[in-house]
Protein backbone atom coordinates (compact mmCIF):
# COMPACT_ATOMS: atom_id res chain seq x y z
CA UNK A 1 24.07 -1.63 23.90
CA UNK A 2 27.02 -3.80 21.59
CA UNK A 3 25.16 -5.41 19.07
CA UNK A 4 26.54 -8.05 16.21
CA UNK A 5 24.61 -9.11 12.94
CA UNK A 6 25.59 -11.92 11.87
CA UNK A 7 23.86 -11.52 8.04
CA UNK A 8 22.71 -9.06 5.63
CA UNK A 9 19.85 -10.31 3.71
CA UNK A 10 16.71 -8.03 4.15
CA UNK A 11 16.05 -8.57 7.49
CA UNK A 12 19.73 -8.17 8.73
CA UNK A 13 20.25 -5.91 7.08
CA UNK A 14 17.55 -3.82 7.99
CA UNK A 15 17.99 -4.23 12.13
CA UNK A 16 21.57 -2.95 11.58
CA UNK A 17 20.35 0.09 10.10
CA UNK A 18 17.32 0.55 12.48
CA UNK A 19 19.36 -0.18 15.85
CA UNK A 20 22.90 1.91 14.76
CA UNK A 21 20.32 4.76 14.24
CA UNK A 22 19.01 3.94 16.99
CA UNK A 23 22.45 5.07 18.68
CA UNK A 24 23.49 1.49 19.62
CA UNK A 25 27.05 -0.06 18.59
CA UNK A 26 26.47 -2.09 15.85
CA UNK A 27 28.85 -4.58 13.97
CA UNK A 28 27.26 -6.12 11.06
CA UNK A 29 28.93 -9.23 9.09
CA UNK A 30 28.52 -11.74 6.37
CA UNK A 31 29.65 -14.77 4.60
CA UNK A 32 31.46 -12.76 2.10
CA UNK A 33 33.32 -10.38 4.50
CA UNK A 34 33.19 -6.78 5.26
CA UNK A 35 34.55 -5.72 1.92
CA UNK A 36 31.07 -6.78 0.18
CA UNK A 37 28.37 -5.18 2.89
CA UNK A 38 26.78 -2.44 1.08
CA UNK A 39 27.27 1.13 2.17
CA UNK A 40 23.43 1.71 2.84
CA UNK A 41 23.72 -0.80 5.68
CA UNK A 42 26.40 1.14 7.20
CA UNK A 43 24.53 4.57 6.81
CA UNK A 44 23.85 5.41 10.18
CA UNK A 45 27.09 4.32 11.80
CA UNK A 46 27.20 0.53 11.67
CA UNK A 47 30.88 -1.12 11.08
CA UNK A 48 31.31 -3.67 8.59
CA UNK A 49 33.16 -6.23 10.55
CA UNK A 50 34.51 -9.97 9.52
CA UNK A 51 32.43 -12.63 11.15
CA UNK A 52 34.72 -13.51 14.09
CA UNK A 53 34.80 -9.57 15.08
CA UNK A 54 30.94 -9.27 15.21
CA UNK A 55 30.54 -11.61 17.68
CA UNK A 56 33.09 -10.39 19.92
CA UNK A 57 32.48 -8.61 23.46
CA UNK A 58 28.84 -8.03 22.46
CA UNK A 59 25.56 -7.21 24.55
CA UNK A 60 23.54 -8.59 21.95
CA UNK A 61 24.44 -11.10 18.80
CA UNK A 62 21.52 -11.38 16.09
CA UNK A 63 21.57 -14.65 13.86
CA UNK A 64 19.68 -13.54 10.45
CA UNK A 65 21.02 -16.37 8.11
CA UNK A 66 19.10 -19.25 6.15
CA UNK A 67 17.78 -21.64 9.15
CA UNK A 68 19.96 -24.86 7.25
CA UNK A 69 23.41 -22.68 7.83
CA UNK A 70 22.51 -22.50 11.64
CA UNK A 71 25.40 -25.38 12.02
CA UNK A 72 28.23 -23.44 10.81
CA UNK A 73 27.77 -20.64 13.37
CA UNK A 74 28.28 -23.30 16.16
CA UNK A 75 32.04 -22.66 16.27
CA UNK A 76 31.81 -18.68 15.65
CA UNK A 77 29.38 -18.83 18.76
CA UNK A 78 31.59 -21.39 20.80
CA UNK A 79 33.86 -18.38 22.37
CA UNK A 80 30.93 -16.03 23.13
CA UNK A 81 29.69 -15.93 27.03
CA UNK A 82 26.86 -17.86 27.98
CA UNK A 83 25.61 -13.95 29.37
CA UNK A 84 25.66 -12.62 25.61
CA UNK A 85 21.94 -12.82 24.07
CA UNK A 86 21.91 -14.62 21.09
CA UNK A 87 18.71 -14.07 18.99
CA UNK A 88 17.29 -15.90 16.01
CA UNK A 89 15.34 -15.00 13.13
CA UNK A 90 15.57 -17.85 11.05
CA UNK A 91 12.80 -19.72 9.33
CA UNK A 92 12.36 -23.63 8.13
CA UNK A 93 11.67 -23.85 4.63
CA UNK A 94 12.56 -27.41 3.53
CA UNK A 95 11.81 -26.57 -0.31
CA UNK A 96 13.67 -23.34 -0.50
CA UNK A 97 17.00 -24.83 2.12
CA UNK A 98 16.68 -28.28 1.89
CA UNK A 99 15.22 -30.30 4.27
CA UNK A 100 16.35 -31.25 8.18
CA UNK A 101 15.40 -34.86 9.09
CA UNK A 102 15.08 -33.92 12.63
CA UNK A 103 12.71 -31.27 12.62
CA UNK A 104 10.31 -32.90 9.81
CA UNK A 105 10.25 -35.23 12.58
CA UNK A 106 8.45 -33.52 15.04
CA UNK A 107 11.60 -30.87 16.64
CA UNK A 108 10.81 -27.85 17.19
CA UNK A 109 12.94 -25.67 14.99
CA UNK A 110 13.86 -23.22 17.51
CA UNK A 111 15.01 -26.33 19.86
CA UNK A 112 17.21 -27.69 16.72
CA UNK A 113 18.98 -24.32 16.74
CA UNK A 114 19.73 -24.55 20.36
CA UNK A 115 21.11 -27.94 19.83
CA UNK A 116 22.89 -26.70 17.15
CA UNK A 117 24.70 -24.07 18.64
CA UNK A 118 25.22 -25.66 22.12
CA UNK A 119 23.68 -22.61 23.77
CA UNK A 120 20.03 -20.78 24.73
CA UNK A 121 18.93 -18.47 21.95
CA UNK A 122 15.65 -16.36 21.56
CA UNK A 123 13.23 -16.64 18.90
CA UNK A 124 12.36 -13.23 17.15
CA UNK A 125 11.50 -11.17 14.01
CA UNK A 126 11.12 -13.96 12.16
CA UNK A 127 7.12 -14.00 11.85
CA UNK A 128 7.05 -10.42 10.15
CA UNK A 129 7.56 -10.22 6.69
CA UNK A 130 11.33 -8.03 5.30
CA UNK A 131 8.82 -5.10 3.69
CA UNK A 132 6.86 -5.03 6.97
CA UNK A 133 10.09 -4.51 9.52
CA UNK A 134 11.41 -2.19 7.00
CA UNK A 135 8.36 0.21 6.20
CA UNK A 136 5.57 -0.34 8.90
CA UNK A 137 7.80 0.33 12.26
CA UNK A 138 5.69 3.06 14.48
CA UNK A 139 6.57 4.58 17.81
CA UNK A 140 5.01 2.56 20.70
CA UNK A 141 1.39 3.77 21.83
CA UNK A 142 0.73 4.11 17.81
CA UNK A 143 -2.76 2.84 17.39
CA UNK A 144 -2.69 -0.17 15.62
CA UNK A 145 0.99 -1.18 16.33
CA UNK A 146 2.27 -4.70 14.79
CA UNK A 147 3.16 -6.82 17.07
CA UNK A 148 6.16 -9.50 16.92
CA UNK A 149 6.26 -12.54 18.96
CA UNK A 150 9.42 -13.58 21.01
CA UNK A 151 10.17 -16.87 22.73
CA UNK A 152 12.99 -17.83 24.66
CA UNK A 153 13.49 -20.43 28.18
CA UNK A 154 15.23 -17.44 30.35
CA UNK A 155 13.21 -14.69 31.35
CA UNK A 156 15.80 -12.69 31.06
CA UNK A 157 16.78 -13.24 27.17
CA UNK A 158 13.17 -12.91 26.31
CA UNK A 159 13.03 -9.63 28.06
CA UNK A 160 16.15 -8.37 26.24
CA UNK A 161 14.59 -9.50 23.15
CA UNK A 162 11.58 -8.26 23.22
CA UNK A 163 13.26 -4.74 24.18
CA UNK A 164 15.03 -4.50 20.84
CA UNK A 165 11.65 -5.82 19.30
CA UNK A 166 9.96 -2.48 20.73
CA UNK A 167 13.09 -0.43 19.48
CA UNK A 168 12.53 -2.19 16.00
CA UNK A 169 9.43 -0.23 15.93
CA UNK A 170 6.70 -3.19 16.87
CA UNK A 171 5.01 -4.69 19.78
CA UNK A 172 6.71 -7.40 21.39
CA UNK A 173 4.68 -10.15 22.64
CA UNK A 174 5.88 -12.70 25.17
CA UNK A 175 5.24 -15.84 23.17
CA UNK A 176 7.18 -18.07 26.08
CA UNK A 177 9.36 -20.32 25.79
CA UNK A 178 10.90 -22.25 23.05
CA UNK A 179 9.41 -25.62 23.08
CA UNK A 180 6.13 -23.50 21.74
CA UNK A 181 7.72 -21.26 19.49
CA UNK A 182 6.59 -23.49 16.58
CA UNK A 183 3.82 -21.51 16.94
CA UNK A 184 5.12 -18.55 15.14
CA UNK A 185 7.04 -20.56 12.39
CA UNK A 186 6.18 -20.66 8.96
CA UNK A 187 2.97 -20.41 8.16
CA UNK A 188 1.08 -20.15 11.49
CA UNK A 189 -1.98 -17.92 11.78
CA UNK A 190 0.58 -15.41 13.74
CA UNK A 191 3.00 -15.56 10.60
CA UNK A 192 3.76 -12.55 8.62
CA UNK A 193 -0.26 -11.43 8.94
CA UNK A 194 0.65 -7.98 10.50
CA UNK A 195 -1.32 -8.62 13.93
CA UNK A 196 -1.73 -6.29 16.65
CA UNK A 197 -0.98 -7.06 20.26
CA UNK A 198 -4.09 -7.84 21.23
CA UNK A 199 -4.78 -10.37 17.97
CA UNK A 200 -1.33 -11.90 18.19
CA UNK A 201 -2.40 -13.75 21.01
CA UNK A 202 -5.49 -15.67 19.85
CA UNK A 203 -3.41 -16.19 16.23
CA UNK A 204 -0.52 -18.18 18.35
CA UNK A 205 -2.75 -20.33 20.30
CA UNK A 206 -4.73 -21.40 16.92
CA UNK A 207 -1.67 -22.70 15.19
CA UNK A 208 -1.89 -26.21 14.32
CA UNK A 209 1.83 -27.86 13.07
CA UNK A 210 0.26 -30.25 10.58
CA UNK A 211 -1.98 -27.87 9.15
CA UNK A 212 0.31 -25.43 9.07
CA UNK A 213 3.40 -27.32 7.97
CA UNK A 214 0.85 -27.99 4.35
CA UNK A 215 0.56 -24.22 3.79
CA UNK A 216 4.05 -23.61 4.34
CA UNK A 217 4.86 -26.61 1.75
CA UNK A 218 2.33 -25.07 -0.51
CA UNK A 219 3.70 -21.81 -0.47
CA UNK A 220 4.72 -21.62 -4.31
CA UNK A 221 1.51 -22.70 -5.45
CA UNK A 222 -0.04 -20.00 -3.38
CA UNK A 223 1.74 -17.31 -4.83
CA UNK A 224 1.44 -18.68 -8.29
CA UNK A 225 -2.34 -17.59 -8.29
CA UNK A 226 -1.58 -13.99 -7.94
CA UNK A 227 0.22 -14.10 -11.38
CA UNK A 228 2.86 -11.08 -11.06
CA UNK A 229 4.93 -10.41 -8.08
CA UNK A 230 3.22 -9.41 -4.97
CA UNK A 231 2.92 -6.22 -3.70
CA UNK A 232 3.64 -6.25 0.68
CA UNK A 233 -0.21 -6.14 1.59
CA UNK A 234 -1.09 -8.85 -1.00
CA UNK A 235 1.69 -11.39 0.60
CA UNK A 236 -0.07 -10.21 3.99
CA UNK A 237 -3.56 -10.99 2.89
CA UNK A 238 -2.61 -14.40 1.33
CA UNK A 239 -0.95 -15.19 4.45
CA UNK A 240 -3.95 -14.50 6.32
CA UNK A 241 -6.62 -15.86 3.30
CA UNK A 242 -4.93 -19.12 4.29
CA UNK A 243 -6.77 -19.52 7.90
CA UNK A 244 -9.98 -18.32 6.98
């Protein structure tokens, strides 16, 4: 499969490494230029590219940029064919990247993304911590395998995204259409809590937009209670404890 990855933060870089190691043809780009992409991102054969080159002639384009930078990608994706599957991994944290009035007024995050890009997307890998993605992927069928929700309006787009989630080392969970994707956004019970496939469905069903937004907005205060830089397991436990 031909895959373009836009963004070389922790999630984008990890996906580029995983998919190139798995034999996919991967082109990766960031906002600073191909010469700035770290060698470890390219270790398994991914190619550093300009953003324009990374989205052309691809089967899948993965967007791994901050939520509020999504509108800047609209022109980049305007020439990408409709059959190319675009997957968004971003999350809305107004205190980190600035507020988006439409989302604050109730628009579902992923539907705002569709509106900005003027094309369909899938939502995946947004509900997993970078450390979890990097270190806790396991082969299909492994007992206790962590699951990741995937939402898209097209069943075919969802199928492709779910296949790639499986390849990245996690059980894909069909989370339905984008109108329901708020359930996998910060800080719901399914968000970055390392649940199994059997546990993830009830967690998504238990999401509450108003409550989860309040938990999201108290994030810095909650982390301050740990006192020092939290470990991956401490972050997961903190996220889980917010819903007990």
